[in-house]
Protein backbone atom coordinates (compact mmCIF):
# COMPACT_ATOMS: atom_id res chain seq x y z
CA MET A 1 0.00 0.00 0.00
CA ALA A 2 1.30 3.46 -0.89
CA ARG A 3 2.08 5.82 2.00
CA LEU A 4 2.08 9.61 1.98
CA CYS A 5 5.73 10.58 2.52
CA LEU A 6 5.48 14.35 2.19
CA GLY A 7 2.72 16.86 1.65
CA PRO A 8 0.08 17.59 0.72
CA LEU A 9 1.09 21.10 -0.35
CA LEU A 10 -1.65 23.33 -1.70
CA ARG A 11 0.14 25.30 -4.43
CA TYR A 12 -1.97 26.98 -7.12
CA VAL A 13 -5.54 28.18 -6.48
CA ASP A 14 -7.84 30.29 -8.65
CA GLY A 15 -11.61 30.69 -8.76
CA SER A 16 -12.37 27.19 -10.01
CA SER A 17 -9.20 25.06 -9.85
CA ALA A 18 -6.21 24.21 -7.70
CA THR A 19 -3.13 22.00 -7.61
CA VAL A 20 -1.99 19.79 -4.73
CA TRP A 21 1.57 18.40 -4.54
CA VAL A 22 2.37 15.07 -2.83
CA GLU A 23 5.21 12.58 -2.46
CA ALA A 24 4.24 8.91 -2.14
CA SER A 25 6.23 5.85 -1.08
CA ARG A 26 5.64 3.97 -4.36
CA PRO A 27 4.06 4.43 -7.81
CA CYS A 28 0.35 5.07 -7.43
CA THR A 29 -2.56 7.27 -8.40
CA ALA A 30 -3.00 10.31 -6.17
CA GLU A 31 -6.50 11.72 -5.77
CA VAL A 32 -7.92 14.82 -4.10
CA ARG A 33 -11.62 14.88 -3.15
CA CYS A 34 -13.86 17.64 -1.80
CA PRO A 35 -17.36 17.12 -0.34
CA SER A 36 -18.91 19.25 -3.09
CA GLY A 37 -17.64 16.91 -5.79
CA ALA A 38 -14.59 18.94 -6.80
CA HIS A 39 -11.78 16.49 -7.36
CA GLY A 40 -8.71 15.53 -9.35
CA THR A 41 -6.36 12.62 -9.98
CA ALA A 42 -2.78 12.24 -11.20
CA ARG A 43 -0.37 9.36 -11.63
CA THR A 44 2.94 9.73 -9.81
CA PHE A 45 6.17 10.41 -11.68
CA HIS A 46 9.53 8.98 -10.66
CA ILE A 47 12.71 10.95 -9.90
CA ALA A 48 15.80 9.39 -8.31
CA GLY A 49 13.90 6.70 -6.42
CA HIS A 50 11.10 9.01 -5.26
CA HIS A 51 7.49 9.26 -6.44
CA TYR A 52 5.65 12.58 -6.78
CA ALA A 53 2.39 13.89 -8.15
CA ILE A 54 0.80 17.25 -8.87
CA VAL A 55 -2.95 16.75 -8.66
CA PRO A 56 -5.06 19.27 -10.62
CA VAL A 57 -8.36 19.84 -8.81
CA THR A 58 -11.33 21.12 -10.82
CA GLY A 59 -14.94 21.93 -10.04
CA LEU A 60 -14.29 24.46 -7.27
CA VAL A 61 -16.72 27.33 -6.74
CA PRO A 62 -15.46 30.94 -6.51
CA GLY A 63 -15.52 32.48 -3.05
CA THR A 64 -15.87 29.19 -1.14
CA THR A 65 -13.80 27.12 1.29
CA GLU A 66 -13.72 23.36 0.73
CA PRO A 67 -12.12 20.77 3.03
CA TYR A 68 -10.34 18.06 1.10
CA GLU A 69 -8.85 14.63 1.56
CA VAL A 70 -5.98 12.91 -0.26
CA LEU A 71 -6.16 9.30 -1.38
CA LEU A 72 -3.42 7.07 -2.80
CA ASP A 73 -4.74 4.21 -4.94
CA GLY A 74 -8.14 4.83 -3.38
CA THR A 75 -6.96 4.67 0.24
CA PRO A 76 -7.37 7.85 2.34
CA VAL A 77 -3.99 9.11 3.64
CA TRP A 78 -4.80 12.72 4.56
CA PRO A 79 -5.87 14.18 6.91
CA PRO A 80 -4.13 11.83 9.37
CA PRO A 81 -6.24 10.20 12.08
CA GLU A 82 -6.46 12.16 15.32
CA SER A 83 -4.88 15.24 13.75
CA PRO A 84 -4.79 18.19 16.19
CA PHE A 85 -5.30 20.59 13.29
CA PRO A 86 -8.49 21.63 11.48
CA PRO A 87 -9.18 19.88 8.16
CA SER A 88 -6.99 21.07 5.30
CA SER A 89 -9.05 23.14 2.92
CA ILE A 90 -8.98 24.91 -0.43
CA ARG A 91 -10.28 28.47 -0.29
CA THR A 92 -10.90 30.08 -3.65
CA PRO A 93 -9.89 33.75 -3.53
CA ASP A 94 -12.16 36.70 -2.94
CA PRO A 95 -11.91 38.80 -6.13
CA GLU A 96 -12.18 41.99 -4.06
CA VAL A 97 -9.46 41.46 -1.43
CA LEU A 98 -6.07 39.73 -1.65
CA ARG A 99 -3.82 39.08 1.36
CA VAL A 100 -0.21 38.26 0.49
CA THR A 101 2.09 37.09 3.29
CA PHE A 102 5.79 36.85 2.51
CA GLY A 103 9.25 36.29 3.95
CA SER A 104 12.44 34.31 3.42
CA CYS A 105 15.28 32.42 5.09
CA ARG A 106 13.93 29.58 7.21
CA TRP A 107 16.00 27.06 9.11
CA ALA A 108 13.98 23.94 9.85
CA ALA A 109 16.40 23.48 12.77
CA PRO A 110 19.47 25.51 13.72
CA PRO A 111 22.64 24.19 12.08
CA VAL A 112 25.48 22.78 14.11
CA GLY A 113 27.84 25.42 15.44
CA ARG A 114 25.45 28.39 15.43
CA LYS A 115 25.21 29.92 18.90
CA ASP A 116 23.29 33.13 18.20
CA PRO A 117 19.68 33.19 19.48
CA VAL A 118 17.22 31.93 16.89
CA GLY A 119 13.82 32.67 18.43
CA PRO A 120 10.39 31.31 17.44
CA ASP A 121 9.68 30.28 13.86
CA ALA A 122 7.37 32.89 12.31
CA LEU A 123 5.73 30.34 9.98
CA ASP A 124 5.17 27.89 12.83
CA THR A 125 3.62 30.73 14.82
CA LEU A 126 1.38 31.74 11.93
CA ALA A 127 0.23 28.11 11.60
CA ALA A 128 -0.63 27.94 15.30
CA ARG A 129 -2.64 31.16 15.06
CA LEU A 130 -4.60 29.99 12.02
CA ALA A 131 -5.23 26.54 13.51
CA ALA A 132 -6.61 28.10 16.68
CA ALA A 133 -9.05 30.26 14.68
CA PRO A 134 -9.65 28.56 11.31
CA ASP A 135 -12.45 30.98 10.36
CA ALA A 136 -10.36 34.08 11.05
CA GLU A 137 -8.52 36.14 8.44
CA ARG A 138 -5.77 34.19 6.74
CA PRO A 139 -3.38 34.75 3.83
CA ASP A 140 -4.63 34.06 0.34
CA VAL A 141 -1.08 33.15 -0.68
CA LEU A 142 2.34 32.70 0.89
CA LEU A 143 5.28 34.05 -1.11
CA LEU A 144 8.42 32.25 0.07
CA LEU A 145 11.29 34.32 -1.28
CA GLY A 146 14.27 32.01 -1.02
CA ASP A 147 16.30 29.80 1.30
CA GLN A 148 13.43 27.38 1.88
CA VAL A 149 16.16 24.82 2.70
CA TYR A 150 19.81 25.21 3.67
CA ALA A 151 22.00 22.78 1.74
CA ASP A 152 25.18 24.24 3.26
CA GLU A 153 24.13 24.62 6.90
CA THR A 154 22.82 21.31 8.19
CA SER A 155 21.29 20.42 11.54
CA SER A 156 22.63 17.80 13.91
CA ALA A 157 19.91 15.35 12.79
CA MET A 158 20.87 15.85 9.13
CA ARG A 159 24.55 15.40 9.92
CA GLU A 160 23.83 12.12 11.66
CA ARG A 161 21.96 10.83 8.60
CA ILE A 162 24.72 12.00 6.27
CA THR A 163 27.40 10.35 8.40
CA ALA A 164 25.44 7.10 8.58
CA ARG A 165 24.95 7.07 4.80
CA ARG A 166 28.50 7.98 3.79
CA GLY A 167 30.29 6.31 6.65
CA PHE A 168 32.20 9.54 7.26
CA ALA A 169 30.89 12.96 6.40
CA GLY A 170 34.20 14.76 6.59
CA PRO A 171 35.13 17.66 8.80
CA SER A 172 32.80 20.50 9.69
CA ARG A 173 33.39 23.48 7.49
CA ARG A 174 32.13 26.99 7.00
CA SER A 175 29.24 27.36 4.64
CA ARG A 176 30.93 29.87 2.35
CA PHE A 177 32.95 28.37 -0.48
CA ARG A 178 36.48 29.73 -0.72
CA PRO A 179 38.13 29.21 -4.11
CA ASP A 180 41.55 28.75 -2.47
CA ARG A 181 40.25 25.99 -0.18
CA ALA A 182 39.60 22.72 -1.99
CA ASP A 183 38.21 21.10 1.15
CA PRO A 184 35.72 18.24 0.94
CA ILE A 185 31.99 18.81 1.03
CA GLY A 186 31.93 17.50 4.58
CA SER A 187 28.53 17.57 6.27
CA GLN A 188 26.82 19.62 3.56
CA VAL A 189 24.26 18.08 1.23
CA ALA A 190 25.87 16.24 -1.67
CA ASP A 191 23.20 14.74 -3.95
CA TYR A 192 19.50 14.38 -4.69
CA GLU A 193 18.80 11.87 -1.94
CA GLU A 194 20.25 14.17 0.70
CA TYR A 195 18.32 17.11 -0.75
CA SER A 196 15.14 15.10 -0.31
CA TRP A 197 16.02 14.73 3.38
CA LEU A 198 16.22 18.52 3.68
CA TYR A 199 12.69 18.94 2.36
CA HIS A 200 11.42 16.20 4.64
CA GLU A 201 13.08 17.86 7.64
CA SER A 202 11.54 21.21 6.73
CA TRP A 203 8.08 20.28 5.47
CA ARG A 204 7.26 17.43 7.85
CA ASP A 205 7.29 19.85 10.78
CA PRO A 206 3.65 19.38 11.91
CA GLU A 207 2.72 23.07 11.92
CA ILE A 208 4.43 23.76 8.59
CA ARG A 209 2.93 20.66 7.02
CA TRP A 210 -0.59 21.73 7.96
CA LEU A 211 0.01 25.37 6.99
CA LEU A 212 1.29 24.44 3.52
CA SER A 213 -1.64 22.06 3.07
CA THR A 214 -4.20 24.82 3.52
CA VAL A 215 -2.59 28.11 2.36
CA PRO A 216 -1.46 28.32 -1.30
CA SER A 217 2.20 29.09 -1.84
CA CYS A 218 4.53 30.52 -4.49
CA MET A 219 8.28 29.92 -4.11
CA ILE A 220 11.61 30.97 -5.60
CA PHE A 221 15.14 29.90 -4.67
CA ASP A 222 18.03 31.90 -3.29
CA ASP A 223 21.64 30.96 -2.64
CA HIS A 224 21.34 28.61 0.36
CA ASP A 225 18.96 26.38 -1.58
CA ILE A 226 22.18 25.50 -3.44
CA ILE A 227 25.14 27.08 -1.58
CA ASP A 228 25.95 30.39 0.12
CA ASP A 229 26.76 33.19 -2.37
CA TRP A 230 25.77 31.06 -5.36
CA ASN A 231 26.95 32.75 -8.59
CA THR A 232 28.64 35.69 -6.92
CA SER A 233 31.07 36.21 -9.81
CA ALA A 234 32.92 34.53 -12.67
CA SER A 235 35.89 34.01 -10.37
CA TRP A 236 33.70 32.37 -7.74
CA LEU A 237 32.14 30.09 -10.34
CA ALA A 238 35.48 29.05 -11.83
CA GLY A 239 36.76 28.14 -8.38
CA VAL A 240 33.76 26.07 -7.35
CA ARG A 241 33.62 24.28 -10.70
CA ALA A 242 37.17 23.07 -10.09
CA THR A 243 36.04 21.00 -7.10
CA ALA A 244 35.09 17.35 -7.40
CA TRP A 245 31.73 17.75 -5.63
CA TRP A 246 30.20 20.84 -7.21
CA ARG A 247 28.55 19.44 -10.35
CA GLU A 248 26.58 16.78 -8.50
CA ARG A 249 25.63 19.27 -5.81
CA LEU A 250 24.36 21.83 -8.32
CA LEU A 251 22.49 19.43 -10.59
CA SER A 252 20.86 17.71 -7.62
CA GLY A 253 19.92 21.08 -6.14
CA LEU A 254 18.26 22.25 -9.35
CA MET A 255 16.50 18.91 -9.84
CA SER A 256 15.15 18.89 -6.30
CA TYR A 257 14.09 22.54 -6.66
CA TRP A 258 12.14 21.73 -9.83
CA VAL A 259 10.40 18.81 -8.13
CA HIS A 260 9.65 20.32 -4.72
CA GLN A 261 9.16 23.99 -5.54
CA HIS A 262 9.04 24.98 -9.20
CA VAL A 263 6.36 22.72 -10.70
CA GLY A 264 3.96 23.78 -7.96
CA ASN A 265 4.37 27.40 -9.03
CA LEU A 266 2.71 26.64 -12.38
CA SER A 267 -0.99 26.78 -13.16
CA PRO A 268 -2.80 23.66 -14.45
CA ALA A 269 -2.74 25.15 -17.96
CA GLU A 270 1.00 25.83 -17.73
CA LEU A 271 1.63 22.31 -16.47
CA ALA A 272 -0.37 20.85 -19.34
CA ALA A 273 1.72 22.83 -21.84
CA ASP A 274 5.12 22.26 -20.21
CA PRO A 275 7.28 19.89 -22.32
CA LEU A 276 9.59 18.96 -19.45
CA TYR A 277 6.69 18.04 -17.19
CA ALA A 278 5.21 15.93 -20.00
CA ALA A 279 8.54 14.20 -20.65
CA VAL A 280 9.08 13.40 -16.98
CA ARG A 281 5.57 11.95 -16.65
CA GLU A 282 5.75 9.93 -19.86
CA THR A 283 8.88 7.97 -18.95
CA PRO A 284 9.04 5.30 -16.24
CA ASP A 285 12.01 7.12 -14.69
CA GLY A 286 12.34 10.85 -15.35
CA THR A 287 15.68 11.24 -13.58
CA ASP A 288 17.84 11.49 -16.70
CA VAL A 289 15.41 13.86 -18.43
CA LEU A 290 15.38 16.20 -15.45
CA ARG A 291 19.14 15.93 -14.97
CA ALA A 292 19.72 17.02 -18.57
CA TYR A 293 17.44 20.00 -17.99
CA ALA A 294 19.38 20.99 -14.87
CA ALA A 295 22.66 20.66 -16.81
CA GLN A 296 21.33 22.99 -19.50
CA ALA A 297 20.38 25.52 -16.81
CA ASP A 298 23.96 25.37 -15.51
CA THR A 299 25.80 25.65 -18.81
CA HIS A 300 23.44 28.04 -20.63
CA PRO A 301 22.02 30.58 -18.15
CA GLY A 302 18.94 32.30 -19.47
CA THR A 303 17.83 29.38 -21.66
CA VAL A 304 15.99 27.77 -18.74
CA ARG A 305 13.46 30.01 -17.03
CA TRP A 306 12.81 29.62 -13.32
CA SER A 307 11.00 32.97 -13.14
CA TYR A 308 7.21 32.98 -13.46
CA HIS A 309 4.19 35.21 -12.93
CA ARG A 310 0.79 34.80 -11.32
CA ASP A 311 -2.28 36.98 -11.66
CA PHE A 312 -4.65 37.20 -8.70
CA GLY A 313 -7.55 39.15 -10.15
CA ARG A 314 -6.16 42.65 -10.69
CA VAL A 315 -2.89 41.95 -8.84
CA ARG A 316 0.11 40.68 -10.77
CA VAL A 317 2.94 38.84 -8.99
CA VAL A 318 6.19 38.45 -10.95
CA MET A 319 8.71 36.13 -9.26
CA VAL A 320 12.22 36.75 -10.59
CA ASP A 321 15.19 34.38 -10.59
CA THR A 322 18.14 36.46 -9.34
CA ARG A 323 20.58 33.54 -9.03
CA ALA A 324 20.66 31.15 -11.97
CA ALA A 325 19.87 33.77 -14.64
CA ARG A 326 22.97 35.90 -14.00
CA VAL A 327 25.60 36.84 -16.57
CA LEU A 328 28.92 36.73 -14.69
CA ASP A 329 31.47 37.80 -17.31
CA GLU A 330 32.83 41.15 -16.11
CA ASP A 331 32.41 42.77 -19.52
CA GLY A 332 28.71 41.93 -19.66
CA ARG A 333 27.91 41.35 -15.99
CA ALA A 334 24.16 41.43 -15.35
CA MET A 335 21.70 40.20 -12.77
CA LEU A 336 19.49 38.86 -15.57
CA ALA A 337 20.46 37.38 -18.91
CA PRO A 338 19.04 39.36 -21.86
CA ALA A 339 16.15 36.96 -22.50
CA GLU A 340 15.26 36.96 -18.81
CA ALA A 341 15.41 40.76 -18.65
CA GLN A 342 13.12 40.99 -21.68
CA TRP A 343 10.68 38.55 -20.08
CA LEU A 344 10.60 40.64 -16.90
CA ARG A 345 9.95 43.75 -18.96
CA GLU A 346 7.02 42.12 -20.73
CA GLN A 347 5.47 40.93 -17.47
CA ALA A 348 5.90 44.28 -15.71
CA LEU A 349 4.57 46.40 -18.56
CA GLY A 350 1.75 43.91 -19.02
CA ALA A 351 0.46 45.03 -15.61
CA ARG A 352 -0.57 48.39 -17.06
CA ASN A 353 -4.23 48.80 -18.06
CA GLY A 354 -5.18 45.63 -16.24
CA CYS A 355 -3.73 45.53 -12.74
CA ASP A 356 -4.20 47.63 -9.64
CA HIS A 357 -0.95 46.43 -8.06
CA LEU A 358 2.31 45.00 -9.36
CA LEU A 359 4.40 42.86 -6.98
CA ILE A 360 7.93 41.92 -8.07
CA GLY A 361 9.30 39.04 -6.01
CA SER A 362 13.11 39.21 -5.92
CA SER A 363 14.91 37.15 -3.28
CA LEU A 364 17.58 39.88 -3.22
CA PRO A 365 16.55 43.43 -2.29
CA TRP A 366 16.70 46.09 -4.96
CA LEU A 367 17.11 48.98 -2.50
CA LEU A 368 19.65 48.38 0.30
CA PRO A 369 20.97 50.54 3.13
CA HIS A 370 22.96 53.30 1.42
CA LEU A 371 26.36 52.25 2.75
CA VAL A 372 25.79 48.65 1.65
CA HIS A 373 24.60 49.75 -1.79
CA ASP A 374 27.63 51.98 -2.32
CA ALA A 375 30.04 49.30 -1.07
CA GLU A 376 28.61 46.82 -3.57
CA ALA A 377 28.77 49.30 -6.44
CA TRP A 378 32.33 50.24 -5.40
CA SER A 379 33.49 46.62 -5.44
CA ALA A 380 31.84 46.13 -8.84
CA ALA A 381 33.72 49.14 -10.22
CA LEU A 382 37.01 47.89 -8.80
CA CYS A 383 36.48 44.43 -10.27
CA ARG A 384 35.99 46.01 -13.69
CA GLY A 385 39.44 47.56 -13.38
CA ARG A 386 38.45 51.19 -12.93
CA ARG A 387 41.30 51.64 -10.41
CA GLY A 388 43.78 49.18 -11.90
CA ALA A 389 44.68 45.50 -11.57
CA ARG A 390 45.67 45.54 -7.88
CA TRP A 391 42.42 47.18 -6.88
CA ALA A 392 40.55 44.71 -9.11
CA ARG A 393 42.02 41.78 -7.16
CA PHE A 394 41.10 43.49 -3.89
CA GLY A 395 37.58 44.15 -5.19
CA GLU A 396 37.06 40.47 -5.98
CA ARG A 397 38.26 39.36 -2.55
CA LEU A 398 35.97 41.93 -0.96
CA ARG A 399 33.01 40.92 -3.12
CA GLN A 400 33.30 37.27 -2.14
CA GLY A 401 34.30 37.83 1.48
CA ALA A 402 31.56 40.35 2.30
CA ASP A 403 28.73 38.88 0.17
CA LEU A 404 28.52 41.95 -2.08
CA GLU A 405 26.35 40.45 -4.80
CA HIS A 406 22.89 42.05 -4.67
CA TRP A 407 21.32 44.26 -7.36
CA ALA A 408 23.72 47.05 -6.38
CA ALA A 409 26.67 44.85 -7.37
CA PHE A 410 25.23 44.81 -10.91
CA PRO A 411 24.95 48.60 -11.45
CA GLU A 412 23.50 48.47 -14.95
CA SER A 413 20.89 45.92 -13.85
CA PHE A 414 20.03 48.02 -10.79
CA GLN A 415 19.36 51.04 -12.99
CA ALA A 416 17.51 48.98 -15.59
CA LEU A 417 15.13 47.72 -12.90
CA ALA A 418 14.63 51.27 -11.64
CA ASP A 419 13.81 52.46 -15.18
CA LEU A 420 11.44 49.54 -15.76
CA ILE A 421 9.58 50.18 -12.50
CA ALA A 422 9.25 53.87 -13.36
CA GLU A 423 7.90 53.01 -16.80
CA ALA A 424 5.50 50.34 -15.49
CA GLY A 425 4.17 52.72 -12.85
CA ALA A 426 3.61 55.74 -15.08
CA GLY A 427 0.86 56.97 -17.34
CA PRO A 428 -2.82 56.17 -17.81
CA GLY A 429 -3.73 52.72 -16.56
CA ALA A 430 -0.68 52.44 -14.30
CA PRO A 431 -1.09 50.32 -11.17
CA ALA A 432 -1.63 52.13 -7.87
CA SER A 433 1.49 50.52 -6.40
CA VAL A 434 4.63 48.73 -7.48
CA SER A 435 6.33 46.80 -4.67
CA VAL A 436 9.57 44.84 -4.76
CA LEU A 437 9.25 42.02 -2.22
CA SER A 438 12.56 40.62 -0.97
CA GLY A 439 14.39 38.81 1.82
CA ASP A 440 17.98 37.57 2.24
CA VAL A 441 19.50 40.31 4.41
CA HIS A 442 18.23 39.15 7.83
CA HIS A 443 16.35 42.26 8.76
CA ALA A 444 13.04 43.80 7.72
CA TYR A 445 12.51 47.31 6.42
CA ILE A 446 10.52 49.55 4.10
CA ALA A 447 12.34 51.81 1.61
CA GLU A 448 10.87 54.24 -0.89
CA PRO A 449 12.66 55.48 -4.01
CA MET A 450 12.58 59.08 -5.23
CA TRP A 451 13.24 60.12 -8.79
CA PRO A 452 14.95 63.49 -9.39
CA ASP A 453 12.43 64.50 -12.05
CA ALA A 454 8.82 63.42 -12.40
CA GLY A 455 8.63 59.91 -11.02
CA PRO A 456 6.05 57.22 -11.66
CA ASP A 457 2.41 57.78 -10.76
CA ALA A 458 2.35 54.55 -8.74
CA ARG A 459 3.61 54.36 -5.16
CA VAL A 460 6.86 52.40 -5.35
CA LEU A 461 8.27 50.56 -2.34
CA GLN A 462 10.97 48.08 -1.42
CA LEU A 463 9.51 45.69 1.17
CA THR A 464 12.13 43.42 2.70
CA CYS A 465 11.25 40.66 5.18
CA SER A 466 13.94 38.32 6.46
CA PRO A 467 14.37 36.00 8.26
CA VAL A 468 11.36 33.80 8.91
CA HIS A 469 13.45 31.58 11.21
CA ASN A 470 17.17 32.21 11.48
CA SER A 471 19.72 33.89 13.70
CA VAL A 472 20.45 37.60 13.54
CA PRO A 473 23.91 38.18 15.09
CA TRP A 474 24.66 41.50 16.75
CA SER A 475 27.23 42.22 14.05
CA ILE A 476 24.43 42.17 11.45
CA ARG A 477 22.19 44.35 13.60
CA LEU A 478 24.90 46.95 14.15
CA GLY A 479 26.09 46.82 10.56
CA PHE A 480 22.70 47.41 9.00
CA ARG A 481 21.72 50.09 11.49
CA PHE A 482 24.95 51.90 10.64
CA GLY A 483 24.34 51.31 6.93
CA TRP A 484 21.08 53.26 7.17
CA SER A 485 22.63 56.10 9.20
CA GLY A 486 23.74 59.51 7.95
CA LEU A 487 27.39 58.70 8.67
CA GLY A 488 27.05 55.41 6.80
CA ARG A 489 25.62 57.25 3.83
CA PHE A 490 28.53 59.71 3.89
CA LEU A 491 31.09 56.89 3.92
CA GLY A 492 29.26 55.15 1.11
CA ARG A 493 29.49 58.22 -1.09
CA ARG A 494 33.22 58.39 -0.48
CA LEU A 495 33.57 54.77 -1.59
CA ALA A 496 31.47 55.46 -4.68
CA ARG A 497 33.67 58.40 -5.68
CA HIS A 498 36.79 56.25 -5.28
CA GLY A 499 35.33 53.55 -7.53
CA ARG A 500 34.50 56.03 -10.30
CA GLY A 501 31.41 54.01 -11.16
CA PRO A 502 28.10 55.42 -12.38
CA ARG A 503 25.78 56.88 -9.76
CA PRO A 504 22.16 55.67 -9.70
CA ARG A 505 19.69 58.10 -11.21
CA LEU A 506 17.42 57.97 -8.18
CA ASP A 507 17.61 58.16 -4.40
CA TRP A 508 15.66 56.36 -1.65
CA ARG A 509 14.87 56.70 2.00
CA ARG A 510 13.94 54.30 4.75
CA ARG A 511 10.24 54.50 5.67
CA GLY A 512 10.17 51.75 8.30
CA GLY A 513 12.55 49.56 10.26
CA PRO A 514 15.05 48.18 10.49
CA TRP A 515 13.36 45.40 12.46
CA PHE A 516 15.36 42.42 13.67
CA GLY A 517 14.03 38.99 14.59
CA ASN A 518 11.82 36.44 12.85
CA HIS A 519 9.17 38.30 10.84
CA LEU A 520 6.41 38.00 8.27
CA MET A 521 4.97 40.86 6.22
CA THR A 522 1.40 40.87 4.93
CA LEU A 523 0.09 43.06 2.13
CA THR A 524 -3.68 43.54 2.00
CA LEU A 525 -4.82 44.72 -1.43
CA HIS A 526 -8.40 45.93 -1.91
CA GLY A 527 -9.12 47.64 -5.19
CA ARG A 528 -6.45 50.29 -5.58
CA SER A 529 -5.79 50.54 -1.86
CA ALA A 530 -2.93 48.72 -0.16
CA SER A 531 -1.87 48.32 3.45
CA LEU A 532 1.07 46.59 5.09
CA ARG A 533 1.39 44.76 8.39
CA VAL A 534 4.72 43.60 9.83
CA ASP A 535 4.49 40.81 12.44
CA ARG A 536 7.26 39.43 14.63
CA ALA A 537 7.24 36.01 16.30
CA ARG A 538 7.92 36.41 20.03
CA PRO A 539 7.81 34.01 22.99
CA ASP A 540 4.53 34.42 24.88
CA GLY A 541 5.87 33.39 28.32
CA THR A 542 4.14 29.99 28.30
CA GLY A 543 6.68 28.11 26.20
CA LYS A 544 4.82 28.97 23.02
CA ALA A 545 4.97 31.98 20.68
CA ARG A 546 2.67 34.58 19.18
CA LEU A 547 2.83 37.05 16.32
CA THR A 548 2.93 40.66 17.48
CA THR A 549 2.42 43.55 15.07
CA VAL A 550 5.37 45.94 14.96
CA GLU A 551 4.10 48.09 12.07
CA GLU A 552 0.77 48.58 10.36
CA SER A 553 0.22 51.34 7.85
CA PRO A 554 -1.64 52.21 4.64
CA LEU A 555 0.45 52.35 1.48
CA THR A 556 -2.12 53.58 -1.02
CA THR A 557 -5.78 54.56 -0.89
CA SER A 558 -8.52 54.13 -3.47
């Protein structure tokens, strides 16, 4: 008899259909049933010894909430008997109001060697709140903006499994790859099987499992889903490719991302039209097909698209790949390959005359604290040789050592995104707001850009929420607070002048934060009005946790 190994995850939902992702213990037919008669079935596909299915559910009614059950070969496997949680349900969205909750950077369990306080898991805490009041307000969608799993920072339980499987996992090592250190992979994840353990560790957490079974989710990767500072530079990539373990690590990471995260981002129509999904389902073992796809993504960036968009009524969400789509050659360095940049342009401009709000999901923030932005632009200018060869070598060491690889480290891409946002937010039919939703930097804040001349008609904001569950060392707290300060801004300008790089054609100011701790942000979009709530997970004094609101404010009004 087939068992439910992982899931169900409720992924896509619109007014009449949904998709539900599951992993089963053996080949079988997965089925989702609702009391109203809405249902769907799908045969599992096979990847690297594991069996998965994406079940398209049809027959849903707009504006309703339907409990559902999952069956494998006709045997009910979800909800589990004696579950302490309410029944998992599919709620079709209200066309008038959309609630988007987002964040990034979640440890399932703290990795070995980390001693900084971690605090309550914000997603766990959200799940507990929703389970206690299932009829209360809840998100219509979760946007998980990167680092859903940490392949390079493993917990003690993961290390024990790795050691048992390999016999010896090798010495503990820092997560950051150093090109001059050809040390073994050690206790980091090495291949697809070990990646599957990461997802089991993360998504079998009881609260997370129930939450993801009842709130739809959209996901995109960041560096730790593969390795810290993934694709920082051409020099970084050349160094890591010289190791014996990198190729298997990367291909397995991309394969597991496609299986666990990416296919669930697609609508039923997109799945039906996707040639890779068809090829994987049509063969008894899709491992080689998927591996070839991952290899193409590695060797030809921009030919494989991990970015995607979703429309929720009059709200467009564009999720952008800021890792695998990079061009790393110094002469043409860009955050997005040309085809990817053109795709983003089409999606953003397509929001005009049809959308009230445009949300751009980028795991990496577009607008950073001013000192950090200028330091990244300075290192980019040095690496291009603007101050000579010796400074170029220093710039590369600084870029890799200090993680200077956000949008600011790709100055032309930074300005291109600014110009695109201004264009998308201007003129008749422009959306009321354009928001860049990001994570990565382990603090939360609101920043607003200002154009020197007439700016866009839309309200434009950078909304950064990180981490969901991670440590925030005091060095990070002090560094980012200083980065936002007037003195930090002054020092940043001095660095920028030394680098002789181009200055951005806009400025920005902090409107909220910085907030430190484990947070979630929620956007509530109603017509052309938008409001933001920032919640932090805090201990409640009883051994449990609660979400407390640290900021709540309107962003736009109708």
